[in-house]
Amino acid sequence: MNKAKQTLPELLEASQGKKILFLGREGIFSAKEVVRFLKKYGVTMTTTYEEGVVGVVEHHALNPVEEDISCLAYDDGVPLFKLLEFEKLLSEGINDDELLMGVKLGNDQDRIFRLLGNAYIDNALFVKLLGMYEWHEADEDNTQDRDVIMYTLRRYIKIKPNEEDLLYSSLTLKRLAREATDPRLLEVLIQFPNITFLQKGKQKITLRESIATNPHLDKEAIARLMRLRDAGVDMYLAANTSTPLAVLQKYAQREEEEINQSLASNPNIDETLFTSLLGKSESITQLMLWYQPVTMQRYQQLQEIISDEKLFAHLGDNRSIDADVLEKLVEATNQALLVNLAANESLDARMLARIFERNIPQTYPHLARNPSTPVAVLEKLYRAYQEEFDILVGLSYNTATPVEILKALYERDEFEIMKGIASNASVPLEILNILKIDTRLRNELTANETFVASITQKLGL
């Protein structure tokens, strides 16, 4: 029976007074660090194959001479270990406080850089080291800086093996700024090069502005962002639900239109701020109608301030309206308001049924498309309005539309209806598989959860 290979920890424990041969270049630990680690076991580091060598640790890339030495050691029965295995063992024995104190006292940037590339240290230590890293601001395309960004993305962004190219995209850094949940990580991301990203609609947003939108910011991270005195950052912080009320009140004192617009979209403002913002400008009022939670008290304030029915109709898009306010709204005479309410998915089936009972044709296409609309209403719309194309298109997109109606709509073979059918996750897979032949429907099908799940399953992903 073959004897089990001795593990690296077992070898070290049993090798006092012996030597470990290291082949190849240094990895994430310097020779000094390796010597210090081996000293705990009474083991010496060597770079030559000599008497007393009881083990070999080798880099994955060896030159021809080192390859020959490795083969010789193997033939002599000396156990071989990968450098990664040794680095993992060394990393597990790190005392975070001692390491951080040593790095801080010496401001050893080379050591910090190497440690940041160590996948075996935990996130808490990584973030603390990342906060100590000094960026090369004068050098726009510094190799070390790029590597640090890569180390950060690789650690926090989960990607599939075939998505490796995402790590080379600056947009992935923007994604991290928006998705990170650790306030300390967000705080050190503020120190990163302030890259500018191009968004949809050709609008631009900087890394720091992206961080300012993150709801997981804490007081320390917010304070650090505020110290930047960056108008764009302040605008996004004013809209952030994690920003303390005291900070929002300070922003309100500036009396700046863009800041006030951000505050108007922040659902966490208090009654005092709500009252002070209301009526400042049409754009601010419109944002408040969309985003502010509406109680009966606020509804009465809105009625007093807003006389323009077209402007007031934006309230119908709001998804945070109290039930007692909705009871009043569904009985309103403002048709534009009712049209918006008919499209609002936050309304329950009873409210949407009441809108349908008002017999206002302009609301029907919106009710037909709203997945919260009762099935009974959807069936009535289909039976009664066979020739109303907008209603039929709405039904084709609606995941609540009964399957039999979706099949009947598919048989009409109208392109606009086909787009709705292709995007609808309630449509039977056999129909979706037929539609995939039409390249014009590619965008709709790739957004269809049912279709995408079937493809993923076939590929075994």
Protein backbone atom coordinates (compact mmCIF):
# COMPACT_ATOMS: atom_id res chain seq x y z
CA MET A 1 0.00 0.00 0.00
CA ASN A 2 1.34 3.42 -0.96
CA LYS A 3 2.15 5.67 1.95
CA ALA A 4 -0.03 8.82 2.02
CA LYS A 5 1.86 11.94 1.02
CA GLN A 6 2.86 14.11 3.95
CA THR A 7 0.98 17.41 4.02
CA LEU A 8 2.89 20.68 4.08
CA PRO A 9 1.93 21.47 7.71
CA GLU A 10 2.97 17.96 8.74
CA LEU A 11 6.29 18.37 6.94
CA LEU A 12 7.02 21.70 8.62
CA GLU A 13 6.14 20.37 12.07
CA ALA A 14 8.55 17.46 11.59
CA SER A 15 11.46 19.35 9.98
CA GLN A 16 13.11 21.40 12.70
CA GLY A 17 16.70 22.11 11.71
CA LYS A 18 16.01 21.18 8.06
CA LYS A 19 15.63 23.21 4.87
CA ILE A 20 12.85 23.97 2.36
CA LEU A 21 13.92 24.69 -1.20
CA PHE A 22 12.00 27.47 -3.02
CA LEU A 23 12.12 27.36 -6.83
CA GLY A 24 10.96 30.21 -9.09
CA ARG A 25 10.27 33.85 -8.43
CA GLU A 26 8.59 35.31 -5.35
CA GLY A 27 4.80 35.31 -5.11
CA ILE A 28 2.64 37.40 -2.83
CA PHE A 29 5.11 37.06 0.03
CA SER A 30 8.69 38.34 -0.01
CA ALA A 31 11.68 36.17 0.93
CA LYS A 32 11.91 38.01 4.27
CA GLU A 33 8.30 37.13 5.08
CA VAL A 34 8.86 33.50 4.12
CA VAL A 35 11.98 33.29 6.31
CA ARG A 36 10.06 34.83 9.23
CA PHE A 37 7.24 32.31 8.82
CA LEU A 38 9.58 29.26 8.58
CA LYS A 39 11.48 30.42 11.65
CA LYS A 40 8.44 29.46 13.78
CA TYR A 41 9.10 25.85 12.80
CA GLY A 42 12.87 26.05 13.08
CA VAL A 43 13.09 25.54 9.30
CA THR A 44 15.47 27.37 6.96
CA MET A 45 14.66 28.70 3.48
CA THR A 46 17.12 27.92 0.67
CA THR A 47 17.22 28.53 -3.07
CA THR A 48 19.76 25.79 -3.84
CA TYR A 49 19.29 22.03 -3.82
CA GLU A 50 21.62 21.01 -1.04
CA GLU A 51 22.01 18.69 1.89
CA GLY A 52 19.22 19.00 4.45
CA VAL A 53 16.45 19.88 1.94
CA VAL A 54 13.32 17.96 2.97
CA GLY A 55 10.77 19.66 0.74
CA VAL A 56 10.41 21.82 -2.35
CA VAL A 57 7.98 24.73 -2.88
CA GLU A 58 7.78 25.75 -6.51
CA HIS A 59 6.25 28.59 -8.50
CA HIS A 60 3.92 27.51 -11.33
CA ALA A 61 6.39 28.98 -13.87
CA LEU A 62 9.95 27.64 -13.69
CA ASN A 63 12.90 28.25 -15.98
CA PRO A 64 14.71 25.27 -17.56
CA VAL A 65 17.34 25.07 -14.82
CA GLU A 66 14.69 25.15 -12.10
CA GLU A 67 12.70 22.48 -13.97
CA ASP A 68 15.79 20.22 -13.91
CA ILE A 69 16.24 20.76 -10.16
CA SER A 70 12.56 19.99 -9.58
CA CYS A 71 12.89 16.72 -11.52
CA LEU A 72 16.02 15.79 -9.59
CA ALA A 73 14.32 16.42 -6.25
CA TYR A 74 11.33 14.36 -7.38
CA ASP A 75 13.59 11.47 -8.38
CA ASP A 76 15.21 11.68 -4.94
CA GLY A 77 11.80 11.33 -3.31
CA VAL A 78 11.69 14.88 -1.93
CA PRO A 79 8.03 16.01 -1.63
CA LEU A 80 7.00 18.87 -3.94
CA PHE A 81 4.43 21.54 -3.09
CA LYS A 82 2.92 24.34 -5.17
CA LEU A 83 3.69 27.90 -4.09
CA LEU A 84 -0.05 28.60 -3.88
CA GLU A 85 -0.38 25.89 -1.23
CA PHE A 86 2.41 27.44 0.81
CA GLU A 87 0.94 30.95 0.44
CA LYS A 88 -2.45 29.74 1.63
CA LEU A 89 -0.86 28.18 4.73
CA LEU A 90 1.10 31.35 5.47
CA SER A 91 -2.00 33.49 4.96
CA GLU A 92 -4.02 31.43 7.44
CA GLY A 93 -1.45 32.21 10.13
CA ILE A 94 -1.50 35.98 9.63
CA ASN A 95 -2.23 38.10 12.70
CA ASP A 96 -4.23 40.98 11.19
CA ASP A 97 -3.39 43.52 13.90
CA GLU A 98 0.35 42.80 13.81
CA LEU A 99 0.43 42.91 10.02
CA LEU A 100 -1.49 46.19 9.82
CA MET A 101 0.71 47.79 12.48
CA GLY A 102 3.87 46.75 10.64
CA VAL A 103 2.58 47.96 7.28
CA LYS A 104 1.39 51.25 8.75
CA LEU A 105 4.64 52.01 10.56
CA GLY A 106 6.75 51.29 7.50
CA ASN A 107 4.24 52.50 4.87
CA ASP A 108 5.46 49.53 2.83
CA GLN A 109 3.54 50.08 -0.40
CA ASP A 110 5.14 47.12 -2.16
CA ARG A 111 4.00 44.81 0.63
CA ILE A 112 0.50 46.33 0.59
CA PHE A 113 0.29 45.76 -3.17
CA ARG A 114 1.36 42.12 -2.84
CA LEU A 115 -1.09 41.49 0.00
CA LEU A 116 -3.95 42.97 -2.00
CA GLY A 117 -3.28 40.27 -4.56
CA ASN A 118 -3.61 37.60 -1.86
CA ALA A 119 -6.92 35.80 -2.39
CA TYR A 120 -6.52 33.99 0.94
CA ILE A 121 -6.87 36.97 3.29
CA ASP A 122 -10.41 37.83 4.41
CA ASN A 123 -12.43 40.80 3.19
CA ALA A 124 -12.02 42.81 6.40
CA LEU A 125 -8.22 42.76 6.15
CA PHE A 126 -8.35 43.38 2.39
CA VAL A 127 -10.44 46.53 2.87
CA LYS A 128 -8.10 47.88 5.55
CA LEU A 129 -5.09 47.31 3.30
CA LEU A 130 -6.94 48.83 0.35
CA GLY A 131 -7.46 51.96 2.42
CA MET A 132 -3.67 52.19 2.92
CA TYR A 133 -2.83 51.83 -0.76
CA GLU A 134 -1.48 55.03 -2.35
CA TRP A 135 -2.83 55.61 -5.86
CA HIS A 136 -0.56 56.98 -8.56
CA GLU A 137 -2.67 60.04 -9.39
CA ALA A 138 -0.04 61.60 -11.63
CA ASP A 139 0.11 58.47 -13.80
CA GLU A 140 -3.19 58.01 -15.62
CA ASP A 141 -2.49 54.42 -16.69
CA ASN A 142 -0.44 52.91 -13.88
CA THR A 143 -0.04 49.12 -14.05
CA GLN A 144 -0.15 48.66 -10.28
CA ASP A 145 -3.32 50.73 -10.00
CA ARG A 146 -4.97 48.62 -12.71
CA ASP A 147 -3.98 45.46 -10.85
CA VAL A 148 -5.44 46.74 -7.58
CA ILE A 149 -8.73 47.48 -9.33
CA MET A 150 -8.67 43.94 -10.76
CA TYR A 151 -7.94 42.41 -7.34
CA THR A 152 -10.92 44.30 -5.93
CA LEU A 153 -13.32 43.32 -8.70
CA ARG A 154 -12.22 39.69 -8.67
CA ARG A 155 -12.85 39.51 -4.93
CA TYR A 156 -16.30 41.12 -4.87
CA ILE A 157 -17.89 40.55 -8.28
CA LYS A 158 -19.06 37.00 -8.88
CA ILE A 159 -18.59 36.09 -12.52
CA LYS A 160 -18.83 32.92 -14.55
CA PRO A 161 -15.70 31.44 -16.18
CA ASN A 162 -16.85 32.63 -19.60
CA GLU A 163 -17.35 36.21 -18.31
CA GLU A 164 -13.71 36.91 -17.39
CA ASP A 165 -13.65 39.88 -19.78
CA LEU A 166 -16.06 41.72 -17.45
CA LEU A 167 -13.17 42.26 -15.03
CA TYR A 168 -11.47 44.42 -17.67
CA SER A 169 -14.48 46.70 -18.12
CA SER A 170 -14.65 49.95 -16.16
CA LEU A 171 -18.43 49.46 -15.99
CA THR A 172 -17.84 46.54 -13.62
CA LEU A 173 -16.29 49.00 -11.16
CA LYS A 174 -19.44 51.10 -11.44
CA ARG A 175 -21.46 47.94 -10.76
CA LEU A 176 -19.43 47.30 -7.59
CA ALA A 177 -20.02 50.88 -6.43
CA ARG A 178 -23.77 50.33 -6.76
CA GLU A 179 -23.97 46.75 -5.42
CA ALA A 180 -21.47 46.73 -2.52
CA THR A 181 -23.07 46.28 0.90
CA ASP A 182 -20.01 46.88 3.12
CA PRO A 183 -19.82 50.57 4.16
CA ARG A 184 -16.06 50.25 4.75
CA LEU A 185 -15.53 49.00 1.20
CA LEU A 186 -17.62 51.87 -0.12
CA GLU A 187 -15.53 54.29 1.91
CA VAL A 188 -12.24 53.07 0.42
CA LEU A 189 -13.73 53.03 -3.09
CA ILE A 190 -13.96 56.81 -2.73
CA GLN A 191 -10.13 56.86 -2.91
CA PHE A 192 -10.10 55.07 -6.29
CA PRO A 193 -9.42 57.06 -9.48
CA ASN A 194 -12.64 58.97 -10.12
CA ILE A 195 -13.46 57.30 -13.44
CA THR A 196 -16.31 58.73 -15.53
CA PHE A 197 -18.85 56.28 -16.97
CA LEU A 198 -21.17 56.80 -19.92
CA GLN A 199 -24.75 55.75 -19.15
CA LYS A 200 -27.77 55.17 -21.31
CA GLY A 201 -28.88 58.34 -23.01
CA LYS A 202 -25.21 59.42 -23.14
CA GLN A 203 -25.40 60.83 -19.62
CA LYS A 204 -22.21 60.71 -17.59
CA ILE A 205 -21.69 59.66 -13.98
CA THR A 206 -18.45 59.45 -12.01
CA LEU A 207 -17.37 56.64 -9.70
CA ARG A 208 -17.87 58.83 -6.63
CA GLU A 209 -21.34 59.83 -7.81
CA SER A 210 -22.16 56.13 -8.25
CA ILE A 211 -20.98 55.45 -4.71
CA ALA A 212 -23.22 58.30 -3.49
CA THR A 213 -26.28 56.42 -4.82
CA ASN A 214 -25.56 53.29 -2.75
CA PRO A 215 -28.15 52.75 0.04
CA HIS A 216 -25.58 50.93 2.23
CA LEU A 217 -23.52 54.03 2.97
CA ASP A 218 -23.12 54.77 6.68
CA LYS A 219 -22.45 58.09 8.45
CA GLU A 220 -18.67 57.80 8.09
CA ALA A 221 -18.79 57.07 4.37
CA ILE A 222 -21.35 59.85 3.79
CA ALA A 223 -19.19 62.32 5.74
CA ARG A 224 -16.20 61.41 3.57
CA LEU A 225 -18.22 61.97 0.41
CA MET A 226 -19.46 65.34 1.68
CA ARG A 227 -15.89 66.48 2.36
CA LEU A 228 -15.21 66.19 -1.37
CA ARG A 229 -17.45 69.26 -1.93
CA ASP A 230 -18.46 67.77 -5.27
CA ALA A 231 -21.76 69.15 -6.63
CA GLY A 232 -22.61 65.89 -8.42
CA VAL A 233 -21.90 63.78 -5.33
CA ASP A 234 -24.03 66.10 -3.18
CA MET A 235 -26.91 65.82 -5.66
CA TYR A 236 -26.91 62.02 -5.44
CA LEU A 237 -26.50 62.02 -1.66
CA ALA A 238 -29.54 64.29 -1.34
CA ALA A 239 -31.58 61.61 -3.13
CA ASN A 240 -30.10 58.68 -1.17
CA THR A 241 -32.43 57.05 1.37
CA SER A 242 -29.47 56.27 3.64
CA THR A 243 -28.53 59.95 4.05
CA PRO A 244 -29.46 61.14 7.59
CA LEU A 245 -32.29 63.65 7.89
CA ALA A 246 -29.95 66.23 9.46
CA VAL A 247 -27.81 66.13 6.30
CA LEU A 248 -30.88 66.44 4.07
CA GLN A 249 -31.94 69.51 6.03
CA LYS A 250 -28.51 71.09 5.47
CA TYR A 251 -28.80 70.42 1.75
CA ALA A 252 -32.25 72.07 1.70
CA GLN A 253 -30.75 75.27 3.13
CA ARG A 254 -28.71 75.72 -0.04
CA GLU A 255 -31.82 76.55 -2.06
CA GLU A 256 -30.32 75.00 -5.21
CA GLU A 257 -32.68 73.66 -7.89
CA GLU A 258 -30.78 70.41 -8.56
CA ILE A 259 -30.38 69.65 -4.85
CA ASN A 260 -34.07 70.37 -4.27
CA GLN A 261 -34.98 68.03 -7.11
CA SER A 262 -32.93 65.29 -5.44
CA LEU A 263 -34.62 65.94 -2.11
CA ALA A 264 -38.01 65.81 -3.82
CA SER A 265 -37.22 62.29 -5.05
CA ASN A 266 -36.03 61.11 -1.62
CA PRO A 267 -38.93 59.32 0.14
CA ASN A 268 -37.27 59.80 3.55
CA ILE A 269 -37.73 63.58 3.86
CA ASP A 270 -39.85 64.70 6.80
CA GLU A 271 -43.03 66.80 6.82
CA THR A 272 -41.13 70.05 7.23
CA LEU A 273 -39.02 69.41 4.13
CA PHE A 274 -42.08 68.17 2.23
CA THR A 275 -43.92 71.41 2.92
CA SER A 276 -40.92 73.62 2.15
CA LEU A 277 -40.29 71.92 -1.22
CA LEU A 278 -43.88 71.81 -2.40
CA GLY A 279 -44.57 74.41 -5.07
CA LYS A 280 -40.96 75.59 -5.47
CA SER A 281 -41.05 74.71 -9.17
CA GLU A 282 -43.08 72.51 -11.48
CA SER A 283 -40.24 70.00 -11.90
CA ILE A 284 -39.80 69.67 -8.12
CA THR A 285 -43.53 69.26 -7.60
CA GLN A 286 -43.69 66.60 -10.31
CA LEU A 287 -40.89 64.64 -8.65
CA MET A 288 -42.73 64.83 -5.33
CA LEU A 289 -45.89 63.51 -6.96
CA TRP A 290 -43.92 60.56 -8.28
CA TYR A 291 -41.73 59.63 -5.33
CA GLN A 292 -43.06 60.96 -2.02
CA PRO A 293 -45.22 58.66 0.16
CA VAL A 294 -48.67 60.25 0.11
CA THR A 295 -50.71 60.27 3.31
CA MET A 296 -54.09 61.95 3.62
CA GLN A 297 -52.40 65.00 5.14
CA ARG A 298 -49.97 65.28 2.23
CA TYR A 299 -52.78 64.66 -0.27
CA GLN A 300 -54.66 67.63 1.11
CA GLN A 301 -51.52 69.78 0.83
CA LEU A 302 -51.07 68.70 -2.78
CA GLN A 303 -54.66 69.61 -3.59
CA GLU A 304 -54.22 73.06 -2.10
CA ILE A 305 -51.01 73.82 -3.98
CA ILE A 306 -51.60 72.20 -7.39
CA SER A 307 -54.33 73.61 -9.60
CA ASP A 308 -53.05 72.19 -12.90
CA GLU A 309 -54.88 68.87 -13.54
CA LYS A 310 -52.22 67.71 -16.00
CA LEU A 311 -49.51 68.17 -13.37
CA PHE A 312 -51.63 66.60 -10.62
CA ALA A 313 -52.20 63.54 -12.84
CA HIS A 314 -48.58 62.48 -12.18
CA LEU A 315 -49.75 61.38 -8.73
CA GLY A 316 -51.27 58.35 -10.47
CA ASP A 317 -47.74 57.02 -11.14
CA ASN A 318 -46.86 57.07 -7.43
CA ARG A 319 -46.39 53.63 -5.83
CA SER A 320 -46.54 54.79 -2.20
CA ILE A 321 -50.08 56.10 -1.78
CA ASP A 322 -52.06 55.29 1.37
CA ALA A 323 -55.22 53.23 0.87
CA ASP A 324 -57.56 55.97 2.10
CA VAL A 325 -56.07 58.38 -0.46
CA LEU A 326 -56.47 55.81 -3.26
CA GLU A 327 -60.15 55.46 -2.35
CA LYS A 328 -60.56 59.13 -3.23
CA LEU A 329 -58.34 59.05 -6.31
CA VAL A 330 -60.22 56.24 -8.09
CA GLU A 331 -63.38 58.37 -7.88
CA ALA A 332 -61.69 61.48 -9.30
CA THR A 333 -62.90 63.24 -12.45
CA ASN A 334 -59.34 63.87 -13.67
CA GLN A 335 -59.12 61.38 -16.59
CA ALA A 336 -55.37 61.76 -17.00
CA LEU A 337 -54.98 60.83 -13.33
CA LEU A 338 -57.18 57.74 -13.81
CA VAL A 339 -55.19 56.67 -16.88
CA ASN A 340 -51.99 56.76 -14.82
CA LEU A 341 -53.65 54.89 -11.95
CA ALA A 342 -54.83 52.21 -14.40
CA ALA A 343 -51.19 51.55 -15.33
CA ASN A 344 -49.96 51.58 -11.72
CA GLU A 345 -49.03 48.03 -10.66
CA SER A 346 -49.07 48.95 -6.96
CA LEU A 347 -52.88 49.24 -6.99
CA ASP A 348 -54.69 46.11 -5.88
CA ALA A 349 -57.24 44.20 -7.97
CA ARG A 350 -60.21 45.84 -6.24
CA MET A 351 -59.02 49.37 -7.02
CA LEU A 352 -58.30 48.51 -10.65
CA ALA A 353 -61.72 46.88 -11.00
CA ARG A 354 -63.31 50.10 -9.73
CA ILE A 355 -61.44 52.08 -12.37
CA PHE A 356 -62.72 49.68 -15.04
CA GLU A 357 -66.27 50.15 -13.74
CA ARG A 358 -65.93 53.90 -14.38
CA ASN A 359 -66.29 53.07 -18.12
CA ILE A 360 -63.51 55.38 -19.27
CA PRO A 361 -62.13 53.95 -22.57
CA GLN A 362 -58.80 55.76 -22.22
CA THR A 363 -57.99 53.58 -19.20
CA TYR A 364 -58.62 50.25 -20.97
CA PRO A 365 -55.24 49.76 -22.76
CA HIS A 366 -53.46 50.45 -19.46
CA LEU A 367 -55.69 48.10 -17.49
CA ALA A 368 -55.09 45.47 -20.20
CA ARG A 369 -51.31 45.70 -19.65
CA ASN A 370 -51.31 45.94 -15.84
CA PRO A 371 -50.50 42.52 -14.25
CA SER A 372 -52.41 43.57 -11.11
CA THR A 373 -55.68 43.87 -13.06
CA PRO A 374 -58.18 41.11 -12.10
CA VAL A 375 -58.35 38.25 -14.60
CA ALA A 376 -62.11 38.77 -14.90
CA VAL A 377 -61.51 42.32 -16.14
CA LEU A 378 -58.86 41.13 -18.62
CA GLU A 379 -61.30 38.57 -20.01
CA LYS A 380 -64.02 41.22 -20.38
CA LEU A 381 -61.61 43.53 -22.21
CA TYR A 382 -60.65 40.77 -24.63
CA ARG A 383 -64.22 39.71 -25.38
CA ALA A 384 -65.62 43.23 -25.74
CA TYR A 385 -62.79 44.90 -27.66
CA GLN A 386 -61.61 42.44 -30.31
CA GLU A 387 -60.89 45.28 -32.73
CA GLU A 388 -59.17 47.67 -30.30
CA PHE A 389 -55.55 47.12 -31.22
CA ASP A 390 -54.06 49.00 -28.22
CA ILE A 391 -56.03 46.80 -25.82
CA LEU A 392 -54.93 43.62 -27.59
CA VAL A 393 -51.29 44.72 -27.51
CA GLY A 394 -51.63 45.46 -23.78
CA LEU A 395 -53.06 41.99 -23.14
CA SER A 396 -50.19 40.39 -25.09
CA TYR A 397 -47.63 41.88 -22.70
CA ASN A 398 -49.57 41.07 -19.52
CA THR A 399 -48.31 38.03 -17.59
CA ALA A 400 -51.73 37.81 -15.87
CA THR A 401 -53.55 37.34 -19.18
CA PRO A 402 -55.02 33.79 -19.34
CA VAL A 403 -53.00 31.40 -21.53
CA GLU A 404 -55.95 30.72 -23.83
CA ILE A 405 -56.19 34.41 -24.65
CA LEU A 406 -52.43 34.62 -25.24
CA LYS A 407 -52.66 31.69 -27.66
CA ALA A 408 -55.53 33.39 -29.50
CA LEU A 409 -53.53 36.64 -29.71
CA TYR A 410 -50.57 34.71 -31.12
CA GLU A 411 -52.79 33.37 -33.92
CA ARG A 412 -53.46 36.95 -35.09
CA ASP A 413 -49.88 37.18 -36.35
CA GLU A 414 -49.62 40.97 -35.82
CA PHE A 415 -46.01 42.09 -35.25
CA GLU A 416 -46.72 44.49 -32.35
CA ILE A 417 -48.72 41.74 -30.65
CA MET A 418 -45.91 39.25 -31.37
CA LYS A 419 -43.47 41.54 -29.54
CA GLY A 420 -45.70 41.38 -26.47
CA ILE A 421 -46.09 37.61 -26.76
CA ALA A 422 -42.31 37.15 -27.12
CA SER A 423 -41.64 39.15 -23.97
CA ASN A 424 -44.39 37.48 -21.88
CA ALA A 425 -43.12 34.86 -19.39
CA SER A 426 -46.62 33.31 -19.19
CA VAL A 427 -46.63 32.30 -22.85
CA PRO A 428 -46.13 28.52 -23.37
CA LEU A 429 -42.57 27.54 -24.27
CA GLU A 430 -43.61 25.86 -27.50
CA ILE A 431 -44.81 29.23 -28.84
CA LEU A 432 -41.65 31.02 -27.68
CA ASN A 433 -39.51 28.42 -29.44
CA ILE A 434 -41.37 29.13 -32.69
CA LEU A 435 -40.88 32.89 -32.26
CA LYS A 436 -37.10 32.56 -31.82
CA ILE A 437 -36.84 32.08 -35.58
CA ASP A 438 -37.85 35.73 -36.04
CA THR A 439 -34.66 37.73 -35.43
CA ARG A 440 -36.72 40.90 -34.94
CA LEU A 441 -37.95 39.47 -31.61
CA ARG A 442 -34.49 38.74 -30.20
CA ASN A 443 -34.55 41.57 -27.63
CA GLU A 444 -37.96 40.55 -26.30
CA LEU A 445 -37.04 36.86 -26.04
CA THR A 446 -33.75 37.54 -24.24
CA ALA A 447 -35.73 39.48 -21.62
CA ASN A 448 -38.26 36.65 -21.22
CA GLU A 449 -37.55 34.68 -18.01
CA THR A 450 -39.27 31.52 -19.26
CA PHE A 451 -37.35 31.46 -22.53
CA VAL A 452 -33.99 32.29 -20.92
CA ALA A 453 -34.50 29.59 -18.25
CA SER A 454 -35.16 26.97 -20.94
CA ILE A 455 -31.99 27.92 -22.83
CA THR A 456 -29.94 27.92 -19.62
CA GLN A 457 -31.26 24.48 -18.73
CA LYS A 458 -30.41 23.10 -22.18
CA LEU A 459 -26.86 24.41 -21.89
CA GLY A 460 -26.52 23.03 -18.38
CA LEU A 461 -25.57 26.40 -16.94
